[in-house]
Protein backbone atom coordinates (compact mmCIF):
# COMPACT_ATOMS: atom_id res chain seq x y z
CA MET A 1 0.00 0.00 0.00
CA LEU A 2 2.74 2.46 0.97
CA ARG A 3 6.22 2.27 -0.50
CA LEU A 4 9.29 4.45 -0.03
CA GLU A 5 12.07 3.87 -2.54
CA ASN A 6 15.60 5.17 -1.96
CA ILE A 7 14.53 8.35 -0.15
CA PHE A 8 17.02 11.14 0.56
CA THR A 9 16.12 14.29 2.50
CA ARG A 10 18.00 17.17 4.12
CA TYR A 11 17.42 20.08 6.44
CA GLY A 12 19.19 22.98 4.75
CA ASN A 13 22.55 21.54 3.74
CA VAL A 14 22.48 18.81 6.38
CA PRO A 15 21.64 15.31 5.02
CA MET A 16 18.97 13.49 7.05
CA LEU A 17 17.50 10.39 5.41
CA ARG A 18 19.90 8.46 3.20
CA ASP A 19 18.65 5.81 0.77
CA VAL A 20 15.65 4.83 2.92
CA SER A 21 13.34 2.17 1.47
CA ILE A 22 10.26 0.93 3.35
CA ALA A 23 7.27 -1.14 2.24
CA VAL A 24 3.92 -1.47 4.04
CA LYS A 25 1.51 -4.03 2.59
CA ASN A 26 -2.26 -3.66 2.76
CA GLY A 27 -3.60 -4.81 6.14
CA GLU A 28 -0.23 -4.95 7.89
CA VAL A 29 1.27 -3.28 10.93
CA VAL A 30 4.84 -2.28 10.14
CA CYS A 31 7.06 -0.70 12.77
CA LEU A 32 9.86 1.81 12.29
CA LEU A 33 12.24 1.68 15.25
CA GLY A 34 15.09 3.90 16.30
CA SER A 35 16.40 6.17 19.04
CA ASN A 36 15.83 9.92 19.28
CA GLY A 37 17.32 11.69 16.28
CA ALA A 38 17.50 8.54 14.15
CA GLY A 39 15.19 9.97 11.49
CA LYS A 40 11.85 8.36 12.34
CA THR A 41 9.79 11.56 12.43
CA THR A 42 11.72 12.86 9.42
CA THR A 43 10.50 9.79 7.53
CA LEU A 44 6.92 10.61 8.47
CA LYS A 45 7.39 14.24 7.38
CA ALA A 46 8.79 13.07 4.05
CA ILE A 47 5.74 10.86 3.46
CA LEU A 48 3.46 13.84 4.16
CA ARG A 49 5.71 16.20 2.16
CA LEU A 50 6.24 18.44 5.15
CA ILE A 51 9.87 18.34 4.04
CA PRO A 52 11.00 17.90 0.43
CA VAL A 53 12.22 14.59 -0.94
CA VAL A 54 15.58 15.35 -2.57
CA GLU A 55 15.89 11.94 -4.24
CA GLY A 56 13.72 8.84 -4.44
CA SER A 57 10.01 8.13 -4.74
CA ILE A 58 6.99 7.50 -2.50
CA PHE A 59 3.98 5.51 -3.68
CA LEU A 60 0.50 4.96 -2.28
CA ASN A 61 -1.17 2.01 -3.99
CA ASP A 62 1.43 2.29 -6.78
CA GLN A 63 0.60 5.97 -7.37
CA PRO A 64 3.54 8.39 -6.90
CA ILE A 65 2.69 10.96 -4.23
CA HIS A 66 6.08 12.53 -3.40
CA ARG A 67 5.34 15.61 -5.55
CA TRP A 68 1.83 16.13 -4.17
CA LYS A 69 0.87 18.82 -1.70
CA THR A 70 0.30 17.74 1.89
CA HIS A 71 -3.48 18.19 1.81
CA GLN A 72 -3.69 16.03 -1.32
CA ILE A 73 -1.74 13.27 0.42
CA ILE A 74 -4.07 13.42 3.43
CA GLU A 75 -7.14 13.39 1.19
CA SER A 76 -5.79 10.35 -0.67
CA GLY A 77 -6.16 8.22 2.48
CA ILE A 78 -3.13 8.81 4.73
CA SER A 79 -3.86 9.92 8.29
CA VAL A 80 -1.33 10.82 10.97
CA VAL A 81 -1.28 10.85 14.76
CA PRO A 82 1.70 13.10 15.47
CA GLU A 83 4.19 12.79 18.30
CA GLY A 84 2.92 14.57 21.40
CA ARG A 85 -0.75 14.19 20.35
CA ARG A 86 -0.96 17.82 19.07
CA LEU A 87 -4.58 18.40 20.02
CA PHE A 88 -6.10 21.87 19.98
CA PRO A 89 -6.24 22.50 23.76
CA LYS A 90 -8.89 25.23 23.74
CA MET A 91 -11.27 23.21 21.59
CA THR A 92 -13.52 20.48 22.94
CA VAL A 93 -12.91 16.79 22.41
CA LEU A 94 -15.79 16.71 19.94
CA GLU A 95 -14.38 19.65 17.97
CA ASN A 96 -10.98 17.96 17.80
CA LEU A 97 -12.54 14.71 16.60
CA ARG A 98 -14.61 16.43 13.93
CA LEU A 99 -11.45 18.04 12.53
CA GLY A 100 -10.29 14.55 11.61
CA ALA A 101 -13.28 14.24 9.27
CA PHE A 102 -12.84 17.65 7.63
CA THR A 103 -13.28 16.20 4.13
CA GLU A 104 -16.62 14.57 5.03
CA VAL A 105 -19.77 16.74 4.74
CA ASN A 106 -22.41 14.10 5.46
CA GLU A 107 -23.51 14.48 9.09
CA THR A 108 -24.90 10.95 9.25
CA GLU A 109 -21.52 9.57 8.19
CA ILE A 110 -19.70 11.78 10.72
CA LYS A 111 -21.95 10.53 13.53
CA LYS A 112 -21.33 6.94 12.42
CA ARG A 113 -17.58 7.53 12.60
CA LEU A 114 -17.90 9.11 16.04
CA GLU A 115 -19.76 6.05 17.30
CA GLY A 116 -16.90 3.91 16.04
CA ILE A 117 -14.45 6.00 18.09
CA PHE A 118 -16.66 5.72 21.19
CA HIS A 119 -16.73 1.95 20.72
CA LEU A 120 -12.94 1.88 20.59
CA PHE A 121 -12.43 4.41 23.41
CA PRO A 122 -15.54 4.61 25.66
CA LYS A 123 -13.87 7.19 27.90
CA VAL A 124 -13.72 9.64 24.97
CA LYS A 125 -17.51 9.81 24.92
CA GLU A 126 -17.51 10.76 28.61
CA ARG A 127 -15.15 13.69 27.85
CA LEU A 128 -16.84 14.82 24.65
CA HIS A 129 -17.59 18.41 25.71
CA GLN A 130 -14.48 18.88 27.82
CA LEU A 131 -11.63 21.08 26.57
CA ALA A 132 -8.87 18.87 25.15
CA GLY A 133 -6.22 20.75 27.13
CA THR A 134 -7.76 19.59 30.42
CA LEU A 135 -7.47 15.87 29.62
CA SER A 136 -4.88 13.52 31.05
CA GLY A 137 -2.05 12.31 28.81
CA GLY A 138 -3.75 8.97 28.24
CA GLU A 139 -7.07 10.61 27.38
CA GLN A 140 -5.35 12.98 24.97
CA GLY A 141 -3.76 9.97 23.30
CA MET A 142 -7.16 8.36 22.81
CA VAL A 143 -8.56 11.55 21.26
CA ALA A 144 -5.52 11.91 18.99
CA ILE A 145 -5.90 8.37 17.65
CA GLY A 146 -9.65 8.90 17.38
CA ARG A 147 -9.10 12.09 15.37
CA GLY A 148 -6.80 10.19 13.02
CA MET A 149 -9.39 7.45 12.57
CA MET A 150 -12.19 9.93 11.86
CA ALA A 151 -10.75 10.29 8.36
CA ARG A 152 -11.37 6.59 7.68
CA PRO A 153 -7.77 6.30 6.44
CA LYS A 154 -6.34 3.64 4.18
CA ILE A 155 -3.18 3.83 6.26
CA LEU A 156 -2.61 5.33 9.71
CA LEU A 157 0.79 6.78 10.62
CA LEU A 158 1.38 6.66 14.38
CA ASP A 159 4.32 8.68 15.69
CA GLU A 160 5.42 7.55 19.18
CA PRO A 161 1.89 6.86 20.54
CA SER A 162 3.26 5.45 23.81
CA LEU A 163 5.54 8.39 24.57
CA GLY A 164 5.10 9.70 28.12
CA LEU A 165 2.41 7.21 29.11
CA ALA A 166 2.35 5.11 32.27
CA PRO A 167 3.16 1.40 31.66
CA ILE A 168 -0.44 0.27 32.22
CA LEU A 169 -1.66 2.80 29.64
CA VAL A 170 1.00 1.70 27.16
CA GLU A 171 -0.39 -1.82 27.35
CA ASP A 172 -3.93 -0.56 26.67
CA PHE A 173 -2.79 1.60 23.77
CA PHE A 174 -1.07 -1.23 21.98
CA LYS A 175 -4.18 -3.37 22.41
CA SER A 176 -6.18 -0.56 20.77
CA ILE A 177 -3.67 -0.30 17.91
CA ARG A 178 -3.92 -4.05 17.33
CA ARG A 179 -7.70 -3.79 17.32
CA ILE A 180 -7.68 -0.92 14.81
CA ASN A 181 -5.53 -3.06 12.53
CA GLU A 182 -7.71 -6.15 12.97
CA GLU A 183 -10.70 -4.07 11.90
CA GLY A 184 -9.00 -3.30 8.59
CA THR A 185 -6.68 -0.29 8.89
CA THR A 186 -3.09 -0.57 7.69
CA ILE A 187 -0.61 0.96 10.15
CA LEU A 188 2.92 2.34 10.04
CA LEU A 189 4.00 2.52 13.68
CA ILE A 190 6.93 4.77 14.60
CA GLU A 191 8.14 3.75 18.04
CA GLN A 192 11.00 3.65 20.52
CA ASN A 193 9.31 0.90 22.54
CA ALA A 194 10.59 -1.93 20.36
CA ARG A 195 9.32 -4.70 22.62
CA LYS A 196 5.70 -3.54 22.38
CA ALA A 197 5.93 -2.59 18.71
CA LEU A 198 7.25 -6.00 17.72
CA GLN A 199 4.38 -7.71 19.54
CA ILE A 200 1.92 -6.32 16.98
CA ALA A 201 4.01 -5.68 13.85
CA ALA A 202 4.33 -8.13 10.96
CA HIS A 203 7.77 -6.79 10.16
CA GLY A 204 9.86 -3.74 10.80
CA TYR A 205 12.81 -1.51 10.08
CA VAL A 206 15.47 0.09 12.29
CA LEU A 207 16.81 3.56 11.55
CA GLN A 208 20.17 4.85 12.74
CA LYS A 209 21.46 8.27 11.72
CA GLY A 210 19.03 8.45 8.81
CA GLU A 211 19.76 5.01 7.36
CA ILE A 212 17.99 1.66 7.55
CA VAL A 213 20.44 -0.63 9.34
CA VAL A 214 18.18 -3.63 10.05
CA LYS A 215 14.97 -4.90 8.48
CA GLY A 216 13.02 -8.12 8.65
CA SER A 217 10.01 -10.02 9.92
CA ARG A 218 8.99 -9.89 13.57
CA SER A 219 10.80 -13.15 14.33
CA GLU A 220 13.93 -12.06 12.46
CA LEU A 221 14.07 -8.79 14.38
CA TYR A 222 13.57 -10.56 17.71
CA GLU A 223 16.59 -12.72 16.93
CA ASN A 224 18.79 -9.93 15.55
CA ASP A 225 21.78 -9.14 17.79
CA VAL A 226 21.57 -5.39 17.11
CA ILE A 227 17.92 -5.34 18.18
CA LYS A 228 18.58 -7.46 21.27
CA LYS A 229 21.44 -5.26 22.42
CA ALA A 230 19.88 -1.87 21.72
CA TYR A 231 16.15 -2.40 22.33
CA LEU A 232 15.32 -5.68 24.07
CA LYS A 233 17.62 -5.68 27.07
CA GLY A 234 16.10 -6.49 30.45
């Protein structure tokens, strides 16, 4: 469904991604692992054309999208849950959720999508008219994922969804991500928590200093010495 081929990017004159190739098949969860500064969020920005692709190509269902404008990429079926949630704090939960369905004008369809979010995250319905900035970190995470799902995306890009959450909430979040995938949404999961990511991903990639250094199936990554040493200790 989503394919990056030999992607190069830079910030100013500083090279960032170097020859990055990633493939996400329809219906899969694929994880992109790496430490801070490895290039994970840069990869997401390249997909969304928030930074220019200097070399290489990006395809969605075999259609090249790396020259499109960001809003066209979003409208084509890619939805993103950014790092840090990025909700609008002075808007209500409902207003934040509705922003995720900005391309949909049919109120009946919007209400149907909202019900789907409430089914996934019942607590969101309880907070519907509360300002997003007053929510706990876990609740904000639920709303952020809900907002991403309101677009009914073909593929959902999740950028560090577990960041800053208590361990018990991390467990719940990964269960929700698995459930979203089981209900038909393809997912590219950008994560530092390799142990949790590999529990739900079909295969994955590891970035270091803007380059893919390891790739493989879940079982291959579990057995890889680099992964064991850097991410699976303890």
